[in-house]
């Protein structure tokens, strides 16, 4: 996947959103916002205003200011991101409606009066208390996950991994002698596994973590002491499924990024032409940092986006 950027400029607006063209085939758009940078009460009120009553009530009933703010920004980011693509000229962030699939993955419920097919847009959301991200593709399922790089893990990492990870993943982690590197690789694996099950649209209950393995091709064997050891040997991220031999795991591609020097972001997308026998070409990735209704900055190719694996 090639890191791609249309422009590196700021857009300022208090009442509108900058229109964006839909991602091209084999292209992913990633938008993120940092809650700590959204300080305006009037802006937060604008975000509340675009939510339907039921969503607004859910946000306001959450305990703790930090949790409420993160939940509000997640909902606002999804609505403002999708509205940018101008799929339906009559749609705006407030008018968008959503539904969930059988496993609870949210999808847009497009409101058309004729018999046109729904737009081929797919999205996925992930958030921590310190970063909220939304990924967008066309004609390809997507799953994303973000985790804090320095997230504390109370349990012994290998004991925790044995509960949730496959035998091969546990062996990979056990081969890393440096505790700090081991913790970071655990978080990366967790992030990638989350992105995969979200792309499948099944969630944790529908695709338990132990039923598949995420592999950094070329580094699942041998001992590793430093981050350099891993980066030099890894070439590709792949997934192997044990639960369902018919599962077309080769239909998925991964990217692993470091965002804002503080978070890992994993993106799992369906390969273009998956299942058709066509060879898949490297995709493009465009990353924006945003404060909806205030400013957008394309940060692809800047220090805010560090490619770890998957982007060529």
Protein backbone atom coordinates (compact mmCIF):
# COMPACT_ATOMS: atom_id res chain seq x y z
CA UNK A 1 0.00 0.00 0.00
CA UNK A 2 1.52 3.31 -1.07
CA UNK A 3 1.29 6.31 1.21
CA UNK A 4 -0.46 8.96 -0.83
CA UNK A 5 -1.46 12.57 -0.30
CA UNK A 6 -3.49 14.91 -2.47
CA UNK A 7 -2.41 18.11 -0.72
CA UNK A 8 -0.90 19.43 2.48
CA UNK A 9 -3.01 22.40 3.39
CA UNK A 10 -5.31 23.51 6.16
CA UNK A 11 -8.99 24.23 5.57
CA UNK A 12 -10.78 26.44 8.06
CA UNK A 13 -14.54 26.54 8.30
CA UNK A 14 -16.99 27.08 11.12
CA UNK A 15 -20.07 25.84 9.27
CA UNK A 16 -19.06 23.44 6.48
CA UNK A 17 -16.92 20.46 5.59
CA UNK A 18 -14.36 20.29 2.81
CA UNK A 19 -15.70 17.97 0.06
CA UNK A 20 -13.49 14.97 -0.71
CA UNK A 21 -13.65 12.55 -3.63
CA UNK A 22 -14.39 8.94 -2.81
CA UNK A 23 -11.33 6.72 -2.43
CA UNK A 24 -10.28 5.14 -5.69
CA UNK A 25 -10.21 1.34 -5.97
CA UNK A 26 -7.36 -0.01 -3.82
CA UNK A 27 -7.21 3.26 -1.87
CA UNK A 28 -7.87 3.84 1.83
CA UNK A 29 -8.61 7.14 3.55
CA UNK A 30 -7.82 7.44 7.25
CA UNK A 31 -9.06 10.38 9.33
CA UNK A 32 -8.12 10.98 12.95
CA UNK A 33 -8.73 13.54 15.68
CA UNK A 34 -7.00 13.98 19.04
CA UNK A 35 -9.50 14.78 21.83
CA UNK A 36 -6.91 16.86 23.68
CA UNK A 37 -6.87 19.30 20.77
CA UNK A 38 -10.64 19.87 20.82
CA UNK A 39 -11.08 22.37 23.63
CA UNK A 40 -13.89 24.62 22.40
CA UNK A 41 -17.19 24.07 24.23
CA UNK A 42 -19.08 25.64 21.32
CA UNK A 43 -17.46 23.14 18.93
CA UNK A 44 -18.41 20.23 21.18
CA UNK A 45 -21.96 21.62 21.21
CA UNK A 46 -21.90 21.58 17.39
CA UNK A 47 -20.96 17.91 17.51
CA UNK A 48 -23.82 17.17 19.89
CA UNK A 49 -26.16 19.03 17.59
CA UNK A 50 -25.50 16.70 14.63
CA UNK A 51 -26.40 13.60 16.64
CA UNK A 52 -29.94 12.20 16.70
CA UNK A 53 -31.64 12.30 20.12
CA UNK A 54 -30.90 8.65 20.94
CA UNK A 55 -27.15 9.01 20.24
CA UNK A 56 -26.99 12.30 22.10
CA UNK A 57 -28.63 10.74 25.13
CA UNK A 58 -26.23 7.77 25.05
CA UNK A 59 -23.25 10.13 25.05
CA UNK A 60 -24.55 12.36 27.84
CA UNK A 61 -25.37 9.36 30.06
CA UNK A 62 -21.78 8.10 30.01
CA UNK A 63 -19.87 8.51 33.24
CA UNK A 64 -16.76 10.63 33.20
CA UNK A 65 -15.96 13.67 31.10
CA UNK A 66 -13.13 11.93 29.21
CA UNK A 67 -15.34 9.00 28.22
CA UNK A 68 -18.17 11.30 27.10
CA UNK A 69 -15.82 13.41 25.02
CA UNK A 70 -14.24 10.40 23.31
CA UNK A 71 -17.65 8.90 22.50
CA UNK A 72 -18.92 12.22 21.17
CA UNK A 73 -15.88 12.71 18.94
CA UNK A 74 -16.17 9.15 17.60
CA UNK A 75 -19.77 9.74 16.53
CA UNK A 76 -19.02 13.20 15.17
CA UNK A 77 -15.98 11.98 13.23
CA UNK A 78 -17.98 9.22 11.50
CA UNK A 79 -20.80 11.58 10.52
CA UNK A 80 -18.59 14.43 9.33
CA UNK A 81 -16.21 12.09 7.48
CA UNK A 82 -18.95 10.31 5.52
CA UNK A 83 -20.70 13.61 4.76
CA UNK A 84 -17.55 14.92 3.06
CA UNK A 85 -17.88 12.46 0.21
CA UNK A 86 -21.02 14.11 -1.19
CA UNK A 87 -22.58 10.78 -2.13
CA UNK A 88 -26.08 12.07 -1.65
CA UNK A 89 -26.45 15.78 -2.29
CA UNK A 90 -29.23 15.91 0.26
CA UNK A 91 -27.25 14.29 3.04
CA UNK A 92 -25.45 16.10 5.83
CA UNK A 93 -23.90 14.85 9.06
CA UNK A 94 -27.18 15.19 10.93
CA UNK A 95 -29.32 13.32 8.38
CA UNK A 96 -27.14 10.21 8.11
CA UNK A 97 -28.71 7.01 9.41
CA UNK A 98 -26.94 3.84 10.45
CA UNK A 99 -27.75 0.19 10.95
CA UNK A 100 -25.79 -2.79 12.29
CA UNK A 101 -25.07 -6.11 10.66
CA UNK A 102 -25.76 -9.42 12.40
CA UNK A 103 -22.59 -9.08 14.46
CA UNK A 104 -23.05 -5.42 15.37
CA UNK A 105 -20.78 -3.73 12.81
CA UNK A 106 -22.26 -0.34 11.88
CA UNK A 107 -23.11 0.47 8.27
CA UNK A 108 -24.65 3.50 6.60
CA UNK A 109 -28.35 3.16 5.82
CA UNK A 110 -28.57 5.29 2.71
CA UNK A 111 -31.76 7.24 2.14
CA UNK A 112 -32.67 7.15 -1.57
CA UNK A 113 -36.12 7.55 -3.05
CA UNK A 114 -35.39 5.56 -6.22
CA UNK A 115 -34.01 2.09 -6.86
CA UNK A 116 -30.37 3.06 -7.15
CA UNK A 117 -27.89 0.73 -5.54
CA UNK A 118 -26.39 2.00 -2.28
CA UNK A 119 -22.98 3.66 -2.63
CA UNK A 120 -19.99 1.30 -2.35
CA UNK A 121 -18.58 3.15 0.67
CA UNK A 122 -17.35 1.19 3.67
CA UNK A 123 -16.08 2.64 6.92
CA UNK A 124 -14.83 1.59 10.32
CA UNK A 125 -14.18 3.48 13.54
CA UNK A 126 -11.79 2.97 16.44
CA UNK A 127 -10.98 5.14 19.41
CA UNK A 128 -9.04 5.43 22.61
CA UNK A 129 -9.33 8.25 25.14
CA UNK A 130 -6.53 10.08 23.32
CA UNK A 131 -7.17 9.40 19.62
CA UNK A 132 -10.22 8.70 17.43
CA UNK A 133 -9.83 7.32 13.89
CA UNK A 134 -12.14 6.51 10.98
CA UNK A 135 -11.14 4.53 7.89
CA UNK A 136 -12.96 4.70 4.55
CA UNK A 137 -12.81 2.52 1.40
CA UNK A 138 -14.99 1.85 -1.64
CA UNK A 139 -15.99 -1.63 -2.79
CA UNK A 140 -13.83 -3.22 -0.09
CA UNK A 141 -14.55 -4.12 3.51
CA UNK A 142 -12.34 -2.38 6.09
CA UNK A 143 -11.45 -2.82 9.73
CA UNK A 144 -9.23 -0.50 11.77
CA UNK A 145 -7.95 -0.41 15.32
CA UNK A 146 -5.88 2.13 17.24
CA UNK A 147 -4.05 1.56 20.49
CA UNK A 148 -1.78 3.73 22.61
CA UNK A 149 1.89 2.82 22.12
CA UNK A 150 2.60 3.12 25.83
CA UNK A 151 -0.57 1.38 26.97
CA UNK A 152 0.09 -0.34 30.26
CA UNK A 153 -0.53 -4.06 30.51
CA UNK A 154 -1.23 -5.21 34.07
CA UNK A 155 -0.87 -8.91 33.35
CA UNK A 156 2.23 -10.86 32.44
CA UNK A 157 2.37 -10.47 28.66
CA UNK A 158 3.00 -14.13 27.82
CA UNK A 159 0.32 -15.33 30.25
CA UNK A 160 -2.13 -12.87 28.74
CA UNK A 161 -1.12 -13.89 25.21
CA UNK A 162 -1.70 -17.57 25.99
CA UNK A 163 -5.32 -16.75 26.87
CA UNK A 164 -6.10 -14.95 23.61
CA UNK A 165 -3.41 -15.54 20.99
CA UNK A 166 -2.57 -18.53 18.84
CA UNK A 167 0.31 -20.86 19.66
CA UNK A 168 2.42 -19.37 16.85
CA UNK A 169 1.87 -15.81 18.10
CA UNK A 170 2.83 -16.81 21.63
CA UNK A 171 6.02 -18.42 20.29
CA UNK A 172 6.81 -15.23 18.39
CA UNK A 173 6.44 -13.12 21.53
CA UNK A 174 8.36 -15.61 23.68
CA UNK A 175 11.32 -15.35 21.29
CA UNK A 176 11.71 -11.63 22.09
CA UNK A 177 14.04 -11.23 25.05
CA UNK A 178 13.69 -7.46 25.53
CA UNK A 179 10.59 -6.84 27.76
CA UNK A 180 9.91 -3.43 26.23
CA UNK A 181 10.07 -4.76 22.67
CA UNK A 182 7.90 -7.71 23.68
CA UNK A 183 5.23 -5.39 25.10
CA UNK A 184 5.22 -3.24 21.96
CA UNK A 185 4.96 -6.27 19.67
CA UNK A 186 2.09 -7.60 21.77
CA UNK A 187 0.21 -4.33 21.29
CA UNK A 188 0.88 -4.40 17.54
CA UNK A 189 -0.43 -7.96 17.26
CA UNK A 190 -3.52 -7.09 19.28
CA UNK A 191 -4.17 -4.07 17.05
CA UNK A 192 -3.81 -6.12 13.86
CA UNK A 193 -6.07 -8.88 15.17
CA UNK A 194 -8.74 -6.34 16.14
CA UNK A 195 -8.59 -4.78 12.67
CA UNK A 196 -8.99 -8.20 11.03
CA UNK A 197 -12.07 -9.29 12.96
CA UNK A 198 -13.62 -5.85 12.40
CA UNK A 199 -12.97 -6.13 8.65
CA UNK A 200 -14.66 -9.53 8.67
CA UNK A 201 -17.62 -7.80 10.30
CA UNK A 202 -17.87 -10.50 12.95
CA UNK A 203 -16.29 -8.94 16.01
CA UNK A 204 -14.48 -10.79 18.79
CA UNK A 205 -17.31 -13.24 19.50
CA UNK A 206 -17.67 -14.21 15.84
CA UNK A 207 -13.95 -14.59 15.21
CA UNK A 208 -12.13 -15.40 18.47
CA UNK A 209 -8.49 -14.32 18.45
CA UNK A 210 -7.24 -17.87 19.02
CA UNK A 211 -8.76 -19.12 15.75
CA UNK A 212 -6.28 -17.31 13.52
CA UNK A 213 -2.65 -16.18 13.45
CA UNK A 214 -1.23 -12.85 12.35
CA UNK A 215 2.28 -13.35 11.00
CA UNK A 216 5.02 -10.90 10.13
CA UNK A 217 6.34 -12.87 7.17
CA UNK A 218 9.97 -13.72 7.82
CA UNK A 219 10.07 -13.05 11.58
CA UNK A 220 7.97 -15.77 13.20
CA UNK A 221 11.04 -17.87 13.89
CA UNK A 222 14.25 -17.11 15.73
CA UNK A 223 15.07 -14.75 18.58
CA UNK A 224 14.76 -10.98 18.46
CA UNK A 225 16.16 -8.47 20.87
CA UNK A 226 15.60 -5.10 19.22
CA UNK A 227 13.06 -3.28 17.11
CA UNK A 228 15.67 -3.11 14.36
CA UNK A 229 15.81 -6.92 14.25
CA UNK A 230 12.09 -7.02 13.56
CA UNK A 231 11.95 -4.23 11.02
CA UNK A 232 14.84 -5.62 9.01
CA UNK A 233 13.36 -9.11 8.69
CA UNK A 234 9.63 -8.42 8.28
CA UNK A 235 8.34 -8.18 4.74
CA UNK A 236 4.57 -8.68 4.80
CA UNK A 237 1.71 -9.13 7.26
CA UNK A 238 -0.42 -12.20 6.58
CA UNK A 239 -3.21 -14.08 8.38
CA UNK A 240 -3.75 -17.83 8.75
CA UNK A 241 -7.12 -19.19 9.90
CA UNK A 242 -7.41 -22.48 11.78
CA UNK A 243 -11.12 -22.38 12.54
CA UNK A 244 -12.37 -22.40 8.95
CA UNK A 245 -10.09 -23.95 6.30
CA UNK A 246 -12.31 -22.48 3.56
CA UNK A 247 -11.78 -18.95 4.85
CA UNK A 248 -10.08 -16.93 2.11
CA UNK A 249 -7.50 -15.31 4.36
CA UNK A 250 -5.41 -14.33 1.32
CA UNK A 251 -8.19 -11.89 0.44
CA UNK A 252 -6.99 -9.43 3.09
CA UNK A 253 -4.11 -6.99 3.27
CA UNK A 254 -2.74 -5.12 6.27
CA UNK A 255 -1.02 -1.86 7.07
CA UNK A 256 0.50 -0.99 10.41
CA UNK A 257 1.25 2.65 11.21
CA UNK A 258 2.41 4.84 14.03
CA UNK A 259 0.21 7.93 14.34
CA UNK A 260 1.21 11.19 16.02
CA UNK A 261 4.17 9.40 17.67
CA UNK A 262 1.74 8.07 20.26
CA UNK A 263 -0.50 5.37 18.76
CA UNK A 264 -0.36 2.25 16.64
CA UNK A 265 -2.99 2.06 13.90
CA UNK A 266 -3.77 -1.18 12.07
CA UNK A 267 -5.78 -1.23 8.85
CA UNK A 268 -7.16 -4.41 7.31
CA UNK A 269 -8.83 -4.14 3.90
CA UNK A 270 -10.29 -6.56 1.42
CA UNK A 271 -8.04 -6.89 -1.59
CA UNK A 272 -9.38 -5.42 -4.82
CA UNK A 273 -10.81 -8.21 -6.94
CA UNK A 274 -10.54 -10.68 -4.05
CA UNK A 275 -11.85 -14.08 -5.08
CA UNK A 276 -11.73 -13.22 -8.79
CA UNK A 277 -8.25 -14.59 -9.36
CA UNK A 278 -6.90 -11.18 -10.32
CA UNK A 279 -3.52 -10.17 -9.00
CA UNK A 280 -3.76 -7.48 -6.38
CA UNK A 281 -1.73 -4.32 -6.83
CA UNK A 282 -0.38 -2.23 -3.95
CA UNK A 283 -2.94 0.23 -2.67
CA UNK A 284 -2.74 3.86 -1.63
CA UNK A 285 -3.24 5.37 1.78
CA UNK A 286 -4.11 8.99 2.52
CA UNK A 287 -4.14 10.18 6.14
CA UNK A 288 -5.81 13.32 7.46
CA UNK A 289 -5.64 14.88 10.88
CA UNK A 290 -8.84 16.79 11.52
CA UNK A 291 -10.87 18.84 13.92
CA UNK A 292 -14.30 18.62 12.23
CA UNK A 293 -15.82 21.97 11.25
CA UNK A 294 -12.54 23.70 12.12
CA UNK A 295 -9.50 22.39 10.24
CA UNK A 296 -8.19 19.49 8.16
CA UNK A 297 -4.57 18.67 7.42
CA UNK A 298 -3.32 15.97 5.11
CA UNK A 299 -0.42 14.43 7.06
CA UNK A 300 0.59 11.62 4.70
CA UNK A 301 4.33 11.71 4.22
CA UNK A 302 4.92 13.80 7.34
CA UNK A 303 6.39 12.93 10.74
CA UNK A 304 2.83 12.42 12.02
CA UNK A 305 2.57 9.14 10.06
CA UNK A 306 5.30 6.54 10.43
CA UNK A 307 4.93 3.41 8.34
CA UNK A 308 5.83 0.21 10.20
CA UNK A 309 4.56 -2.47 7.79
CA UNK A 310 2.34 -2.78 4.76
CA UNK A 311 2.77 0.53 2.92
CA UNK A 312 5.21 0.40 0.03
